[in-house]
N, C-alpha and C. Protein backbone atom coordinates (compact mmCIF):
# COMPACT_ATOMS: atom_id res chain seq x y z
N MET A 1 13.57 -14.17 4.20
CA MET A 1 12.18 -14.01 3.86
C MET A 1 12.08 -13.30 2.51
N ILE A 2 11.37 -13.92 1.58
CA ILE A 2 11.16 -13.33 0.27
C ILE A 2 9.98 -12.37 0.38
N LYS A 3 10.20 -11.14 -0.06
CA LYS A 3 9.16 -10.11 -0.04
C LYS A 3 8.99 -9.64 -1.48
N GLU A 4 7.85 -9.99 -2.07
CA GLU A 4 7.64 -9.59 -3.46
C GLU A 4 6.20 -9.16 -3.69
N THR A 5 6.05 -8.29 -4.65
CA THR A 5 4.75 -7.79 -5.04
C THR A 5 4.82 -7.44 -6.52
N SER A 6 3.72 -6.92 -7.04
CA SER A 6 3.71 -6.50 -8.44
C SER A 6 3.41 -5.01 -8.53
N LEU A 7 3.83 -4.43 -9.62
CA LEU A 7 3.53 -3.03 -9.87
C LEU A 7 2.01 -2.82 -9.94
N LEU A 8 1.28 -3.82 -10.42
CA LEU A 8 -0.18 -3.72 -10.46
C LEU A 8 -0.77 -3.55 -9.06
N THR A 9 -0.21 -4.25 -8.08
CA THR A 9 -0.68 -4.12 -6.71
C THR A 9 -0.34 -2.74 -6.17
N VAL A 10 0.87 -2.27 -6.45
CA VAL A 10 1.26 -0.93 -5.99
C VAL A 10 0.32 0.11 -6.60
N ILE A 11 0.03 0.00 -7.89
CA ILE A 11 -0.87 0.94 -8.55
C ILE A 11 -2.26 0.88 -7.92
N GLY A 12 -2.77 -0.32 -7.70
CA GLY A 12 -4.10 -0.47 -7.10
C GLY A 12 -4.18 0.14 -5.71
N LEU A 13 -3.17 -0.11 -4.89
CA LEU A 13 -3.18 0.45 -3.53
C LEU A 13 -3.00 1.96 -3.55
N CYS A 14 -2.23 2.47 -4.50
CA CYS A 14 -2.09 3.93 -4.62
C CYS A 14 -3.42 4.57 -5.05
N LEU A 15 -4.11 3.94 -5.98
CA LEU A 15 -5.42 4.45 -6.38
C LEU A 15 -6.40 4.44 -5.21
N LYS A 16 -6.35 3.38 -4.42
CA LYS A 16 -7.22 3.29 -3.25
C LYS A 16 -6.89 4.39 -2.25
N GLU A 17 -5.59 4.60 -2.01
CA GLU A 17 -5.18 5.65 -1.07
C GLU A 17 -5.67 7.02 -1.52
N LEU A 18 -5.51 7.32 -2.81
CA LEU A 18 -5.99 8.60 -3.33
C LEU A 18 -7.51 8.72 -3.22
N ARG A 19 -8.20 7.64 -3.54
CA ARG A 19 -9.67 7.66 -3.48
C ARG A 19 -10.14 7.94 -2.06
N ILE A 20 -9.54 7.28 -1.10
CA ILE A 20 -9.92 7.46 0.30
C ILE A 20 -9.62 8.90 0.76
N LYS A 21 -8.45 9.39 0.40
CA LYS A 21 -8.08 10.74 0.81
C LYS A 21 -8.95 11.80 0.14
N ARG A 22 -9.47 11.50 -1.02
CA ARG A 22 -10.38 12.42 -1.71
C ARG A 22 -11.83 12.23 -1.27
N GLU A 23 -12.04 11.30 -0.35
CA GLU A 23 -13.37 10.99 0.19
C GLU A 23 -14.36 10.60 -0.92
N ILE A 24 -13.88 9.75 -1.80
CA ILE A 24 -14.69 9.22 -2.90
C ILE A 24 -14.96 7.76 -2.59
N THR A 25 -16.21 7.33 -2.73
CA THR A 25 -16.54 5.93 -2.45
C THR A 25 -16.09 5.05 -3.62
N GLN A 26 -15.99 3.75 -3.34
CA GLN A 26 -15.67 2.80 -4.41
C GLN A 26 -16.76 2.87 -5.48
N GLY A 27 -18.00 2.99 -5.06
CA GLY A 27 -19.11 3.05 -6.01
C GLY A 27 -19.02 4.26 -6.93
N GLU A 28 -18.71 5.43 -6.37
CA GLU A 28 -18.55 6.63 -7.19
C GLU A 28 -17.40 6.47 -8.18
N MET A 29 -16.32 5.91 -7.70
CA MET A 29 -15.15 5.71 -8.56
C MET A 29 -15.49 4.75 -9.69
N ALA A 30 -16.10 3.62 -9.33
CA ALA A 30 -16.45 2.61 -10.33
C ALA A 30 -17.40 3.19 -11.38
N LYS A 31 -18.38 3.95 -10.93
CA LYS A 31 -19.36 4.54 -11.85
C LYS A 31 -18.68 5.50 -12.81
N HIS A 32 -17.78 6.34 -12.29
CA HIS A 32 -17.09 7.30 -13.14
C HIS A 32 -16.23 6.60 -14.19
N ILE A 33 -15.60 5.50 -13.80
CA ILE A 33 -14.72 4.78 -14.72
C ILE A 33 -15.51 3.90 -15.67
N GLY A 34 -16.72 3.50 -15.27
CA GLY A 34 -17.51 2.59 -16.10
C GLY A 34 -17.27 1.14 -15.73
N MET A 35 -16.98 0.91 -14.45
CA MET A 35 -16.73 -0.45 -13.96
C MET A 35 -17.77 -0.79 -12.89
N THR A 36 -17.85 -2.05 -12.53
CA THR A 36 -18.69 -2.45 -11.41
C THR A 36 -17.92 -2.17 -10.11
N ASN A 37 -18.65 -2.09 -8.99
CA ASN A 37 -18.00 -1.92 -7.69
C ASN A 37 -17.02 -3.06 -7.43
N ALA A 38 -17.45 -4.28 -7.74
CA ALA A 38 -16.60 -5.45 -7.52
C ALA A 38 -15.34 -5.37 -8.38
N GLY A 39 -15.49 -4.93 -9.63
CA GLY A 39 -14.34 -4.79 -10.52
C GLY A 39 -13.34 -3.77 -10.01
N TRP A 40 -13.86 -2.64 -9.53
CA TRP A 40 -12.97 -1.61 -8.99
C TRP A 40 -12.29 -2.13 -7.71
N GLY A 41 -13.03 -2.85 -6.87
CA GLY A 41 -12.46 -3.42 -5.65
C GLY A 41 -11.32 -4.38 -5.97
N ARG A 42 -11.51 -5.22 -7.00
CA ARG A 42 -10.45 -6.15 -7.40
C ARG A 42 -9.21 -5.38 -7.88
N LEU A 43 -9.44 -4.29 -8.57
CA LEU A 43 -8.34 -3.46 -9.05
C LEU A 43 -7.57 -2.86 -7.87
N GLU A 44 -8.28 -2.29 -6.90
CA GLU A 44 -7.63 -1.68 -5.75
C GLU A 44 -6.85 -2.70 -4.92
N ASN A 45 -7.26 -3.94 -4.97
CA ASN A 45 -6.60 -4.98 -4.19
C ASN A 45 -5.55 -5.75 -5.00
N GLY A 46 -5.19 -5.22 -6.16
CA GLY A 46 -4.12 -5.81 -6.95
C GLY A 46 -4.49 -7.10 -7.65
N LYS A 47 -5.78 -7.38 -7.76
CA LYS A 47 -6.21 -8.64 -8.37
C LYS A 47 -6.74 -8.46 -9.78
N ALA A 48 -6.70 -7.25 -10.28
CA ALA A 48 -7.12 -6.97 -11.66
C ALA A 48 -6.28 -5.80 -12.18
N SER A 49 -6.16 -5.72 -13.49
CA SER A 49 -5.38 -4.62 -14.07
C SER A 49 -6.31 -3.55 -14.63
N LEU A 50 -5.74 -2.41 -14.91
CA LEU A 50 -6.49 -1.24 -15.38
C LEU A 50 -6.00 -0.89 -16.77
N SER A 51 -6.92 -0.64 -17.67
CA SER A 51 -6.51 -0.20 -19.00
C SER A 51 -5.94 1.21 -18.90
N VAL A 52 -5.16 1.59 -19.88
CA VAL A 52 -4.57 2.93 -19.90
C VAL A 52 -5.69 3.97 -19.93
N GLU A 53 -6.71 3.73 -20.73
CA GLU A 53 -7.83 4.67 -20.81
C GLU A 53 -8.51 4.84 -19.45
N ASN A 54 -8.75 3.76 -18.74
CA ASN A 54 -9.39 3.85 -17.42
C ASN A 54 -8.45 4.46 -16.38
N MET A 55 -7.15 4.24 -16.52
CA MET A 55 -6.21 4.87 -15.60
C MET A 55 -6.25 6.39 -15.78
N ILE A 56 -6.32 6.84 -17.01
CA ILE A 56 -6.39 8.28 -17.28
C ILE A 56 -7.67 8.85 -16.67
N ARG A 57 -8.80 8.17 -16.87
CA ARG A 57 -10.07 8.61 -16.28
C ARG A 57 -9.98 8.67 -14.75
N ALA A 58 -9.41 7.63 -14.18
CA ALA A 58 -9.29 7.56 -12.71
C ALA A 58 -8.42 8.70 -12.19
N CYS A 59 -7.29 8.92 -12.83
CA CYS A 59 -6.39 9.99 -12.39
C CYS A 59 -7.07 11.35 -12.47
N HIS A 60 -7.73 11.62 -13.56
CA HIS A 60 -8.42 12.91 -13.69
C HIS A 60 -9.52 13.05 -12.65
N PHE A 61 -10.27 11.99 -12.38
CA PHE A 61 -11.32 12.03 -11.36
C PHE A 61 -10.73 12.26 -9.98
N LEU A 62 -9.51 11.77 -9.76
CA LEU A 62 -8.83 11.93 -8.48
C LEU A 62 -7.99 13.21 -8.44
N ASP A 63 -8.13 14.05 -9.47
CA ASP A 63 -7.44 15.34 -9.55
C ASP A 63 -5.92 15.18 -9.54
N MET A 64 -5.45 14.26 -10.35
CA MET A 64 -4.01 14.02 -10.47
C MET A 64 -3.72 13.69 -11.94
N THR A 65 -2.62 14.18 -12.45
CA THR A 65 -2.30 13.84 -13.84
C THR A 65 -1.80 12.40 -13.88
N PRO A 66 -2.05 11.70 -14.97
CA PRO A 66 -1.52 10.34 -15.10
C PRO A 66 0.00 10.29 -14.98
N GLN A 67 0.67 11.32 -15.51
CA GLN A 67 2.12 11.37 -15.42
C GLN A 67 2.59 11.43 -13.96
N ASP A 68 1.98 12.33 -13.18
CA ASP A 68 2.35 12.45 -11.77
C ASP A 68 2.04 11.16 -11.02
N PHE A 69 0.91 10.54 -11.35
CA PHE A 69 0.54 9.30 -10.68
C PHE A 69 1.57 8.21 -10.95
N LEU A 70 1.99 8.07 -12.20
CA LEU A 70 2.99 7.05 -12.54
C LEU A 70 4.35 7.35 -11.91
N ILE A 71 4.72 8.61 -11.84
CA ILE A 71 5.97 8.98 -11.17
C ILE A 71 5.89 8.61 -9.69
N GLU A 72 4.77 8.95 -9.05
CA GLU A 72 4.60 8.65 -7.63
C GLU A 72 4.63 7.14 -7.36
N THR A 73 3.91 6.36 -8.18
CA THR A 73 3.90 4.92 -7.95
C THR A 73 5.29 4.33 -8.20
N SER A 74 6.00 4.88 -9.16
CA SER A 74 7.36 4.42 -9.42
C SER A 74 8.27 4.72 -8.23
N GLU A 75 8.13 5.91 -7.64
CA GLU A 75 8.94 6.26 -6.46
C GLU A 75 8.62 5.34 -5.29
N ILE A 76 7.36 5.04 -5.08
CA ILE A 76 6.97 4.13 -3.99
C ILE A 76 7.54 2.74 -4.25
N SER A 77 7.50 2.28 -5.50
CA SER A 77 8.09 0.98 -5.86
C SER A 77 9.58 0.97 -5.57
N GLU A 78 10.26 2.06 -5.89
CA GLU A 78 11.70 2.15 -5.63
C GLU A 78 11.98 2.11 -4.12
N ARG A 79 11.13 2.75 -3.33
CA ARG A 79 11.32 2.72 -1.88
C ARG A 79 11.13 1.29 -1.35
N LEU A 80 10.16 0.58 -1.91
CA LEU A 80 10.00 -0.82 -1.51
C LEU A 80 11.26 -1.62 -1.87
N LYS A 81 11.75 -1.43 -3.09
CA LYS A 81 12.95 -2.16 -3.54
C LYS A 81 14.15 -1.86 -2.65
N SER A 82 14.27 -0.61 -2.23
CA SER A 82 15.42 -0.25 -1.38
C SER A 82 15.31 -0.89 0.01
N ASN A 83 14.14 -1.44 0.32
CA ASN A 83 13.94 -2.12 1.59
C ASN A 83 13.80 -3.63 1.42
N GLY A 84 14.39 -4.13 0.33
CA GLY A 84 14.47 -5.57 0.15
C GLY A 84 13.29 -6.23 -0.54
N TRP A 85 12.37 -5.45 -1.08
CA TRP A 85 11.23 -6.00 -1.79
C TRP A 85 11.54 -6.14 -3.26
N GLN A 86 10.99 -7.19 -3.88
CA GLN A 86 11.04 -7.34 -5.33
C GLN A 86 9.70 -6.85 -5.86
N VAL A 87 9.73 -5.95 -6.84
CA VAL A 87 8.50 -5.43 -7.45
C VAL A 87 8.51 -5.87 -8.90
N HIS A 88 7.61 -6.79 -9.24
CA HIS A 88 7.54 -7.37 -10.58
C HIS A 88 6.65 -6.53 -11.49
N ASP A 89 6.92 -6.60 -12.79
CA ASP A 89 6.15 -5.86 -13.77
C ASP A 89 4.78 -6.47 -14.05
N GLN A 90 4.62 -7.73 -13.75
CA GLN A 90 3.34 -8.38 -13.99
C GLN A 90 2.82 -9.03 -12.71
N ARG A 91 1.55 -9.35 -12.71
CA ARG A 91 0.91 -9.95 -11.55
C ARG A 91 1.64 -11.25 -11.19
N ILE A 92 1.79 -11.51 -9.91
CA ILE A 92 2.44 -12.73 -9.45
C ILE A 92 1.46 -13.52 -8.60
N GLU A 93 1.71 -14.82 -8.51
CA GLU A 93 0.80 -15.70 -7.80
C GLU A 93 0.78 -15.42 -6.30
N THR A 94 1.94 -15.25 -5.70
CA THR A 94 2.03 -15.02 -4.27
C THR A 94 2.50 -13.60 -4.03
N ASP A 95 1.56 -12.68 -3.94
CA ASP A 95 1.86 -11.26 -3.77
C ASP A 95 1.84 -10.93 -2.28
N CYS A 96 2.98 -10.54 -1.76
CA CYS A 96 3.11 -10.32 -0.32
C CYS A 96 2.37 -9.09 0.17
N LEU A 97 2.19 -8.06 -0.68
CA LEU A 97 1.39 -6.92 -0.26
C LEU A 97 -0.08 -7.31 -0.13
N ILE A 98 -0.56 -8.16 -1.04
CA ILE A 98 -1.93 -8.65 -0.93
C ILE A 98 -2.06 -9.49 0.34
N ALA A 99 -1.06 -10.32 0.62
CA ALA A 99 -1.07 -11.11 1.85
C ALA A 99 -1.07 -10.18 3.07
N GLY A 100 -0.31 -9.10 3.01
CA GLY A 100 -0.29 -8.13 4.10
C GLY A 100 -1.64 -7.49 4.33
N ARG A 101 -2.34 -7.17 3.23
CA ARG A 101 -3.69 -6.59 3.35
C ARG A 101 -4.63 -7.61 4.01
N GLU A 102 -4.46 -8.89 3.68
CA GLU A 102 -5.29 -9.93 4.29
C GLU A 102 -4.98 -10.07 5.78
N VAL A 103 -3.70 -9.91 6.15
CA VAL A 103 -3.32 -9.94 7.56
C VAL A 103 -4.01 -8.79 8.30
N GLU A 104 -3.97 -7.60 7.69
CA GLU A 104 -4.64 -6.43 8.29
C GLU A 104 -6.12 -6.71 8.53
N ALA A 105 -6.79 -7.21 7.49
CA ALA A 105 -8.23 -7.47 7.59
C ALA A 105 -8.52 -8.52 8.67
N SER A 106 -7.73 -9.57 8.71
CA SER A 106 -7.93 -10.62 9.72
C SER A 106 -7.70 -10.07 11.12
N TYR A 107 -6.65 -9.27 11.27
CA TYR A 107 -6.35 -8.70 12.58
C TYR A 107 -7.51 -7.82 13.05
N GLU A 108 -8.00 -6.96 12.15
CA GLU A 108 -9.09 -6.06 12.52
C GLU A 108 -10.36 -6.82 12.86
N LYS A 109 -10.62 -7.92 12.14
CA LYS A 109 -11.81 -8.71 12.40
C LYS A 109 -11.71 -9.43 13.75
N ILE A 110 -10.56 -10.03 14.01
CA ILE A 110 -10.37 -10.79 15.25
C ILE A 110 -10.24 -9.86 16.46
N ALA A 111 -9.42 -8.83 16.32
CA ALA A 111 -9.14 -7.95 17.45
C ALA A 111 -10.24 -6.92 17.67
N GLY A 112 -11.05 -6.70 16.66
CA GLY A 112 -12.11 -5.70 16.78
C GLY A 112 -11.56 -4.30 16.89
N THR A 113 -10.37 -4.09 16.38
CA THR A 113 -9.75 -2.78 16.44
C THR A 113 -9.02 -2.51 15.13
N SER A 114 -8.71 -1.28 14.91
CA SER A 114 -8.02 -0.89 13.69
C SER A 114 -6.63 -1.49 13.64
N TYR A 115 -6.17 -1.74 12.43
CA TYR A 115 -4.81 -2.24 12.23
C TYR A 115 -3.78 -1.26 12.78
N THR A 116 -4.12 0.03 12.87
CA THR A 116 -3.16 1.00 13.39
C THR A 116 -2.86 0.75 14.86
N ASN A 117 -3.62 -0.13 15.51
CA ASN A 117 -3.33 -0.51 16.89
C ASN A 117 -2.54 -1.81 16.97
N LEU A 118 -2.08 -2.30 15.82
CA LEU A 118 -1.33 -3.55 15.77
C LEU A 118 -0.05 -3.45 16.56
N PRO A 119 0.17 -4.38 17.50
CA PRO A 119 1.44 -4.34 18.23
C PRO A 119 2.57 -4.82 17.34
N SER A 120 3.64 -4.09 17.33
CA SER A 120 4.81 -4.47 16.56
C SER A 120 6.03 -4.08 17.35
N ALA A 121 6.94 -4.99 17.48
CA ALA A 121 8.14 -4.75 18.27
C ALA A 121 7.78 -4.29 19.68
N GLY A 122 6.67 -4.84 20.21
CA GLY A 122 6.27 -4.55 21.58
C GLY A 122 5.61 -3.21 21.77
N VAL A 123 5.22 -2.53 20.70
CA VAL A 123 4.64 -1.20 20.81
C VAL A 123 3.26 -1.20 20.17
N ALA A 124 2.29 -0.60 20.82
CA ALA A 124 0.97 -0.44 20.22
C ALA A 124 0.95 0.86 19.43
N CYS A 125 0.47 0.80 18.22
CA CYS A 125 0.42 1.98 17.37
C CYS A 125 -0.88 2.71 17.64
N SER A 126 -0.78 3.98 17.95
CA SER A 126 -1.98 4.72 18.30
C SER A 126 -2.43 5.69 17.23
N SER A 127 -1.65 5.88 16.19
CA SER A 127 -2.06 6.78 15.12
C SER A 127 -1.42 6.35 13.82
N PRO A 128 -2.04 6.73 12.69
CA PRO A 128 -1.46 6.36 11.40
C PRO A 128 -0.03 6.88 11.22
N SER A 129 0.26 8.09 11.73
CA SER A 129 1.62 8.61 11.56
C SER A 129 2.61 7.80 12.38
N PHE A 130 2.21 7.32 13.55
CA PHE A 130 3.10 6.49 14.35
C PHE A 130 3.32 5.15 13.66
N LEU A 131 2.26 4.64 13.01
CA LEU A 131 2.39 3.37 12.29
C LEU A 131 3.52 3.44 11.29
N MET A 132 3.69 4.59 10.67
CA MET A 132 4.70 4.73 9.64
C MET A 132 6.11 4.58 10.20
N SER A 133 6.26 4.74 11.51
CA SER A 133 7.60 4.67 12.08
C SER A 133 7.92 3.33 12.73
N ILE A 134 6.97 2.39 12.73
CA ILE A 134 7.24 1.13 13.41
C ILE A 134 8.26 0.31 12.65
N ALA A 135 9.00 -0.46 13.38
CA ALA A 135 9.98 -1.34 12.75
C ALA A 135 9.46 -2.76 12.83
N VAL A 136 9.44 -3.42 11.70
CA VAL A 136 9.03 -4.82 11.66
C VAL A 136 10.13 -5.60 10.98
N SER A 137 10.42 -6.75 11.54
CA SER A 137 11.45 -7.59 11.00
C SER A 137 12.75 -6.79 10.91
N SER A 138 13.58 -7.08 9.95
CA SER A 138 14.83 -6.32 9.84
C SER A 138 14.72 -5.18 8.84
N GLY A 139 13.61 -5.12 8.08
CA GLY A 139 13.50 -4.13 7.02
C GLY A 139 13.03 -2.76 7.44
N ALA A 140 12.23 -2.67 8.47
CA ALA A 140 11.64 -1.40 8.91
C ALA A 140 11.02 -0.67 7.73
N VAL A 141 10.27 -1.41 6.92
CA VAL A 141 9.73 -0.85 5.68
C VAL A 141 8.81 0.33 5.93
N ALA A 142 7.90 0.19 6.90
CA ALA A 142 6.92 1.26 7.12
C ALA A 142 7.61 2.57 7.42
N GLY A 143 8.58 2.55 8.30
CA GLY A 143 9.30 3.77 8.65
C GLY A 143 10.12 4.29 7.49
N ALA A 144 10.74 3.39 6.76
CA ALA A 144 11.60 3.80 5.66
C ALA A 144 10.79 4.44 4.54
N ILE A 145 9.63 3.89 4.24
CA ILE A 145 8.80 4.47 3.18
C ILE A 145 8.38 5.88 3.56
N ALA A 146 8.02 6.07 4.82
CA ALA A 146 7.56 7.39 5.26
C ALA A 146 8.71 8.37 5.39
N SER A 147 9.89 7.92 5.78
CA SER A 147 10.96 8.85 6.10
C SER A 147 11.88 9.19 4.94
N MET A 148 11.80 8.45 3.84
CA MET A 148 12.69 8.76 2.73
C MET A 148 12.38 10.14 2.17
N PRO A 149 13.39 10.97 2.00
CA PRO A 149 13.15 12.33 1.52
C PRO A 149 12.68 12.33 0.07
N LYS A 150 11.82 13.29 -0.21
CA LYS A 150 11.37 13.48 -1.58
C LYS A 150 12.02 14.75 -2.12
N LYS A 151 12.14 14.80 -3.44
CA LYS A 151 12.73 15.98 -4.07
C LYS A 151 11.80 17.18 -3.88
N LYS A 152 12.40 18.36 -3.78
CA LYS A 152 11.60 19.59 -3.71
C LYS A 152 10.98 19.81 -5.08
N GLU A 153 9.69 20.11 -5.07
CA GLU A 153 8.98 20.30 -6.33
C GLU A 153 8.08 21.51 -6.21
N SER A 154 7.31 21.78 -7.25
CA SER A 154 6.39 22.90 -7.22
C SER A 154 5.32 22.68 -6.16
N SER A 155 4.61 23.76 -5.78
CA SER A 155 3.59 23.64 -4.73
C SER A 155 2.47 22.70 -5.16
N LYS A 156 2.11 22.68 -6.44
CA LYS A 156 1.08 21.75 -6.91
C LYS A 156 1.57 20.31 -6.74
N LYS A 157 2.81 20.06 -7.08
CA LYS A 157 3.38 18.72 -6.95
C LYS A 157 3.48 18.32 -5.48
N GLN A 158 3.85 19.26 -4.60
CA GLN A 158 3.93 18.95 -3.18
C GLN A 158 2.56 18.56 -2.65
N LYS A 159 1.51 19.22 -3.12
CA LYS A 159 0.15 18.87 -2.70
C LYS A 159 -0.13 17.41 -3.10
N THR A 160 0.28 17.03 -4.28
CA THR A 160 0.10 15.66 -4.74
C THR A 160 0.88 14.70 -3.86
N ASN A 161 2.13 15.02 -3.54
CA ASN A 161 2.94 14.16 -2.70
C ASN A 161 2.28 13.94 -1.35
N ASN A 162 1.64 14.96 -0.81
CA ASN A 162 0.97 14.81 0.47
C ASN A 162 -0.22 13.87 0.36
N LEU A 163 -0.82 13.80 -0.81
CA LEU A 163 -1.96 12.90 -0.98
C LEU A 163 -1.53 11.46 -1.18
N LEU A 164 -0.44 11.25 -1.85
CA LEU A 164 0.00 9.90 -2.17
C LEU A 164 1.34 9.64 -1.50
N ASN A 165 1.28 9.09 -0.27
CA ASN A 165 2.53 8.86 0.45
C ASN A 165 2.82 7.38 0.67
N GLY A 166 1.99 6.51 0.15
CA GLY A 166 2.26 5.09 0.26
C GLY A 166 1.87 4.48 1.59
N SER A 167 1.00 5.15 2.35
CA SER A 167 0.67 4.65 3.68
C SER A 167 -0.04 3.30 3.62
N LEU A 168 -0.92 3.07 2.65
CA LEU A 168 -1.57 1.76 2.55
C LEU A 168 -0.55 0.68 2.21
N ILE A 169 0.40 1.03 1.37
CA ILE A 169 1.44 0.08 1.00
C ILE A 169 2.34 -0.19 2.20
N ALA A 170 2.69 0.86 2.93
CA ALA A 170 3.52 0.68 4.12
C ALA A 170 2.83 -0.21 5.14
N LYS A 171 1.52 -0.01 5.33
CA LYS A 171 0.78 -0.84 6.28
C LYS A 171 0.75 -2.29 5.83
N ALA A 172 0.51 -2.51 4.54
CA ALA A 172 0.46 -3.89 4.03
C ALA A 172 1.83 -4.55 4.14
N ALA A 173 2.88 -3.80 3.82
CA ALA A 173 4.24 -4.35 3.93
C ALA A 173 4.57 -4.67 5.38
N ALA A 174 4.20 -3.77 6.28
CA ALA A 174 4.46 -3.98 7.71
C ALA A 174 3.69 -5.19 8.22
N ALA A 175 2.44 -5.32 7.81
CA ALA A 175 1.62 -6.45 8.26
C ALA A 175 2.21 -7.76 7.76
N TYR A 176 2.64 -7.80 6.50
CA TYR A 176 3.24 -9.02 5.96
C TYR A 176 4.52 -9.37 6.72
N GLU A 177 5.38 -8.38 6.90
CA GLU A 177 6.64 -8.64 7.59
C GLU A 177 6.41 -9.03 9.05
N TRP A 178 5.40 -8.44 9.69
CA TRP A 178 5.05 -8.79 11.06
C TRP A 178 4.63 -10.26 11.13
N ARG A 179 3.74 -10.66 10.20
CA ARG A 179 3.30 -12.06 10.17
C ARG A 179 4.48 -13.00 9.95
N GLU A 180 5.35 -12.65 9.00
CA GLU A 180 6.50 -13.50 8.71
C GLU A 180 7.45 -13.60 9.90
N SER A 181 7.64 -12.48 10.62
CA SER A 181 8.54 -12.54 11.78
C SER A 181 7.92 -13.38 12.90
N LEU A 182 6.58 -13.32 13.05
CA LEU A 182 5.92 -14.17 14.05
C LEU A 182 6.06 -15.64 13.68
N GLN A 183 5.87 -15.94 12.39
CA GLN A 183 6.01 -17.33 11.95
C GLN A 183 7.44 -17.80 12.11
N SER A 184 8.40 -16.95 11.82
CA SER A 184 9.81 -17.30 11.97
C SER A 184 10.14 -17.55 13.43
N ASN A 185 9.64 -16.68 14.32
CA ASN A 185 9.86 -16.86 15.76
C ASN A 185 9.20 -18.14 16.24
N SER A 186 8.02 -18.44 15.72
CA SER A 186 7.30 -19.66 16.10
C SER A 186 8.07 -20.90 15.66
N ASN A 187 8.60 -20.84 14.44
CA ASN A 187 9.40 -21.96 13.92
C ASN A 187 10.68 -22.14 14.72
N ASP A 188 11.33 -21.03 15.09
CA ASP A 188 12.55 -21.10 15.89
C ASP A 188 12.28 -21.72 17.26
N ASN A 189 11.15 -21.35 17.85
CA ASN A 189 10.79 -21.89 19.18
C ASN A 189 10.43 -23.35 19.11
N ALA A 190 9.89 -23.81 17.96
CA ALA A 190 9.50 -25.20 17.79
C ALA A 190 10.72 -26.11 17.69
N GLU A 191 11.82 -25.55 17.22
CA GLU A 191 13.04 -26.35 17.04
C GLU A 191 13.71 -26.47 18.35
């Protein structure tokens, strides 16, 4: 199974994670940056890029330095790579993290429940922290992203690490891998 995404998608999902944790609406974020709500939504979903100037504005509004933000997104990208994902420097046509987000949305719409209740490996997830430990396919990306140790840093930096842990990315990766494993199992049974 090919698992690939772009750095633009990782950046967008990290910005979304920070925005949500800071309890800032998409509208507030878009207004501060000087974008439309739809434009900001496309950015968070990896379907649009952000200028350097707007990234600096966004980081400052989210109370994070641009340098720390880029280091964090780079570390999350490296964790994805260590779990068999390809992370491209430019937008790609078939972005598996975007597909994973679509799987999440479809599941929530059909099941009428949060994606954190998604059954994986025969287990129902009852909390976001438990979701991080689920194993999907052979990669166990969600658990690996959450469990990889981070370097000890200053207390300000540790506060930032707690805000940006890649949980949205882990969920999207898990959802994509879950879908792919179901399709693989379905194909195996059809043969």
